[in-house]
Amino acid sequence: PFTRSMRGGMGRGGMGNSMRSVAAKKEYDVIPKGTIASIKDLVNKAEYNGDRGVVKKYMPSSKRYIIELEDSEETLSVRPENLLQHVHVTVHDIQSQPELNGKTGTVITWCPTKERYNIYVASLKKVFSLKPGNVVLESGVVARVNGLESRPELNGKWGTIKDWVKDSNKYDVQLSESQIIRVKSEYMIL
């Protein structure tokens, strides 16, 4: 068999180092590399709270993410609870302002005392404070189960949003290779 060498040429022999491909195990509970996030709720390094950065990698041994801070080459190692992903969402089921329904926006902050996201809707050039049940996370976003009373053992688990079922306002969330759960959107937070 022929394999490509590190220099780009072809070589005869077995699987060269450059071609070795170990099938990476899909991790459904890990925030994807490249996700933009801000730092929140740090105690020992509180001066970094509010800073934005990019997820560079996840370290399973410490269950922490390496975040490269925006406008610097400085990195921090943080727990997932100390990150807020700035993902795109769609506004859903706002009874008091139905004209917002279907608008897309970006999560900019989380207000824990109100349990609401601040969502920037660019088309309106406004920020809205919305409950998790009124935003639809995109497929592929990794979120955390929170406040689930029917199956409390799932609270705190992270999973990948696979699909959103509009009629019931529930997500299909993949927690592992073999486990997909259906959860009301209000119980999934970033």
Protein backbone atom coordinates (compact mmCIF):
# COMPACT_ATOMS: atom_id res chain seq x y z
CA PRO A 1 0.00 0.00 0.00
CA PHE A 2 1.02 3.59 -0.60
CA THR A 3 0.77 6.33 2.04
CA ARG A 4 1.44 10.02 1.95
CA SER A 5 4.54 10.98 3.89
CA MET A 6 4.88 14.06 6.09
CA ARG A 7 6.59 15.86 3.18
CA GLY A 8 3.58 15.31 0.93
CA GLY A 9 5.15 12.61 -1.29
CA MET A 10 4.10 9.03 -1.63
CA GLY A 11 5.94 6.29 0.18
CA ARG A 12 5.74 2.52 0.20
CA GLY A 13 5.04 0.69 3.41
CA GLY A 14 2.62 0.57 6.28
CA MET A 15 0.60 3.32 7.81
CA GLY A 16 3.03 6.21 8.18
CA ASN A 17 2.80 8.44 11.23
CA SER A 18 1.16 11.19 9.22
CA MET A 19 -1.69 8.94 8.13
CA ARG A 20 -2.47 7.30 11.44
CA SER A 21 -6.00 8.14 12.26
CA VAL A 22 -7.40 7.14 15.57
CA ALA A 23 -11.15 7.33 15.41
CA ALA A 24 -12.02 10.12 17.81
CA LYS A 25 -14.79 9.21 20.19
CA LYS A 26 -17.67 11.63 19.73
CA GLU A 27 -18.19 13.60 22.92
CA TYR A 28 -21.76 14.82 23.29
CA ASP A 29 -21.12 16.62 26.56
CA VAL A 30 -18.21 18.82 25.41
CA ILE A 31 -18.55 22.40 24.16
CA PRO A 32 -17.09 22.45 20.64
CA LYS A 33 -13.66 23.91 19.93
CA GLY A 34 -14.01 27.39 18.40
CA THR A 35 -17.13 28.33 20.38
CA ILE A 36 -17.12 31.98 21.49
CA ALA A 37 -17.84 32.32 25.20
CA SER A 38 -17.47 34.72 28.08
CA ILE A 39 -16.13 34.01 31.54
CA LYS A 40 -18.57 34.20 34.47
CA ASP A 41 -18.79 33.54 38.19
CA LEU A 42 -15.07 33.10 38.84
CA VAL A 43 -14.18 33.63 42.50
CA ASN A 44 -10.37 33.40 42.63
CA LYS A 45 -9.84 35.28 39.37
CA ALA A 46 -12.93 37.51 39.42
CA GLU A 47 -11.13 40.14 37.32
CA TYR A 48 -11.70 37.86 34.30
CA ASN A 49 -15.49 37.74 34.71
CA GLY A 50 -17.08 39.24 31.60
CA ASP A 51 -14.02 38.67 29.40
CA ARG A 52 -14.68 36.94 26.08
CA GLY A 53 -12.66 34.25 24.43
CA VAL A 54 -12.65 31.16 22.26
CA VAL A 55 -12.78 27.54 23.40
CA LYS A 56 -9.46 26.02 22.34
CA LYS A 57 -9.78 22.56 23.86
CA TYR A 58 -11.34 20.44 26.57
CA MET A 59 -9.22 18.60 29.12
CA PRO A 60 -11.15 15.52 30.32
CA SER A 61 -8.76 14.80 33.19
CA SER A 62 -9.59 18.11 34.91
CA LYS A 63 -13.03 18.61 33.30
CA ARG A 64 -11.95 22.10 32.27
CA TYR A 65 -11.76 24.11 29.07
CA ILE A 66 -8.80 26.08 27.82
CA ILE A 67 -10.09 29.49 26.72
CA GLU A 68 -7.98 31.90 24.71
CA LEU A 69 -9.01 35.39 25.72
CA GLU A 70 -10.07 37.87 23.06
CA ASP A 71 -7.47 40.46 22.01
CA SER A 72 -4.65 38.62 23.78
CA GLU A 73 -2.83 35.33 23.67
CA GLU A 74 -3.58 34.71 27.34
CA THR A 75 -5.40 31.47 28.18
CA LEU A 76 -7.44 30.39 31.17
CA SER A 77 -8.47 26.96 32.37
CA VAL A 78 -12.13 27.11 33.43
CA ARG A 79 -14.96 24.77 34.40
CA PRO A 80 -17.95 24.60 32.05
CA GLU A 81 -20.16 26.30 34.67
CA ASN A 82 -17.90 29.36 34.33
CA LEU A 83 -18.58 29.78 30.61
CA LEU A 84 -21.47 31.38 28.79
CA GLN A 85 -21.58 30.39 25.14
CA HIS A 86 -22.49 33.21 22.76
CA VAL A 87 -24.60 31.08 20.47
CA HIS A 88 -27.37 31.97 18.05
CA VAL A 89 -30.95 31.37 19.14
CA THR A 90 -34.45 31.83 17.76
CA VAL A 91 -37.08 33.61 19.85
CA HIS A 92 -40.16 31.44 20.49
CA ASP A 93 -43.59 31.74 22.12
CA ILE A 94 -43.47 35.32 23.45
CA GLN A 95 -47.14 36.04 24.16
CA SER A 96 -46.71 39.70 25.13
CA GLN A 97 -44.63 40.60 22.04
CA PRO A 98 -45.57 38.12 19.30
CA GLU A 99 -43.66 40.16 16.70
CA LEU A 100 -40.43 38.84 18.32
CA ASN A 101 -41.31 35.20 17.62
CA GLY A 102 -39.11 33.76 14.89
CA LYS A 103 -36.45 36.49 15.24
CA THR A 104 -32.87 35.30 15.63
CA GLY A 105 -30.44 36.68 18.15
CA THR A 106 -27.25 36.02 20.05
CA VAL A 107 -26.92 35.17 23.73
CA ILE A 108 -24.87 37.92 25.36
CA THR A 109 -25.39 37.38 29.11
CA TRP A 110 -27.17 35.18 31.65
CA CYS A 111 -28.86 36.77 34.67
CA PRO A 112 -28.93 34.05 37.36
CA THR A 113 -31.21 35.96 39.75
CA LYS A 114 -33.88 36.33 37.04
CA GLU A 115 -32.97 33.05 35.29
CA ARG A 116 -33.04 34.81 31.93
CA TYR A 117 -30.72 35.31 28.98
CA ASN A 118 -30.07 38.71 27.51
CA ILE A 119 -30.44 38.16 23.78
CA TYR A 120 -29.26 40.70 21.21
CA VAL A 121 -31.57 40.76 18.19
CA ALA A 122 -29.52 42.46 15.48
CA SER A 123 -32.45 43.08 13.11
CA LEU A 124 -34.10 45.21 15.82
CA LYS A 125 -30.85 46.52 17.33
CA LYS A 126 -32.21 45.69 20.79
CA VAL A 127 -31.51 43.43 23.75
CA PHE A 128 -34.32 41.33 25.23
CA SER A 129 -34.38 39.45 28.54
CA LEU A 130 -35.84 35.99 27.84
CA LYS A 131 -36.41 32.78 29.77
CA PRO A 132 -34.74 29.59 28.47
CA GLY A 133 -38.20 28.32 27.45
CA ASN A 134 -38.53 31.27 25.04
CA VAL A 135 -35.32 30.68 23.11
CA VAL A 136 -34.57 27.82 20.76
CA LEU A 137 -30.97 26.63 20.80
CA GLU A 138 -29.59 25.45 17.46
CA SER A 139 -28.84 21.81 16.77
CA GLY A 140 -25.26 21.04 17.76
CA VAL A 141 -25.17 23.39 20.76
CA VAL A 142 -24.00 21.76 23.99
CA ALA A 143 -26.20 22.69 26.97
CA ARG A 144 -26.79 21.56 30.55
CA VAL A 145 -29.88 19.94 32.09
CA ASN A 146 -31.09 22.17 34.92
CA GLY A 147 -34.12 22.07 37.23
CA LEU A 148 -35.60 18.81 35.98
CA GLU A 149 -37.80 17.41 38.76
CA SER A 150 -39.04 14.24 37.04
CA ARG A 151 -35.48 12.89 36.62
CA PRO A 152 -33.26 14.87 39.04
CA GLU A 153 -30.30 12.54 38.41
CA LEU A 154 -29.95 14.21 34.98
CA ASN A 155 -29.51 17.72 36.41
CA GLY A 156 -26.00 19.00 35.79
CA LYS A 157 -25.41 16.68 32.82
CA TRP A 158 -24.30 18.24 29.54
CA GLY A 159 -25.53 17.10 26.15
CA THR A 160 -25.77 18.07 22.49
CA ILE A 161 -29.03 19.48 21.17
CA LYS A 162 -30.03 17.16 18.33
CA ASP A 163 -33.45 18.53 17.45
CA TRP A 164 -36.21 20.83 18.67
CA VAL A 165 -39.81 19.61 18.66
CA LYS A 166 -41.86 22.78 18.12
CA ASP A 167 -45.28 21.37 19.11
CA SER A 168 -44.09 20.41 22.60
CA ASN A 169 -41.21 22.94 22.89
CA LYS A 170 -38.85 20.10 23.78
CA TYR A 171 -35.34 19.17 22.71
CA ASP A 172 -33.93 15.80 21.83
CA VAL A 173 -30.62 15.91 23.72
CA GLN A 174 -27.84 13.38 23.20
CA LEU A 175 -26.03 12.75 26.48
CA SER A 176 -23.89 9.86 25.26
CA GLU A 177 -23.48 7.50 22.33
CA SER A 178 -26.44 5.45 23.55
CA GLN A 179 -28.60 7.95 25.47
CA ILE A 180 -30.93 10.54 23.96
CA ILE A 181 -33.50 12.23 26.18
CA ARG A 182 -36.43 14.53 25.39
CA VAL A 183 -36.49 17.58 27.66
CA LYS A 184 -38.60 20.76 27.80
CA SER A 185 -36.57 23.69 26.54
CA GLU A 186 -36.87 25.51 29.86
CA TYR A 187 -34.71 22.77 31.46
CA MET A 188 -31.73 23.20 29.11
CA ILE A 189 -29.33 26.08 29.83
CA LEU A 190 -25.99 27.15 28.42
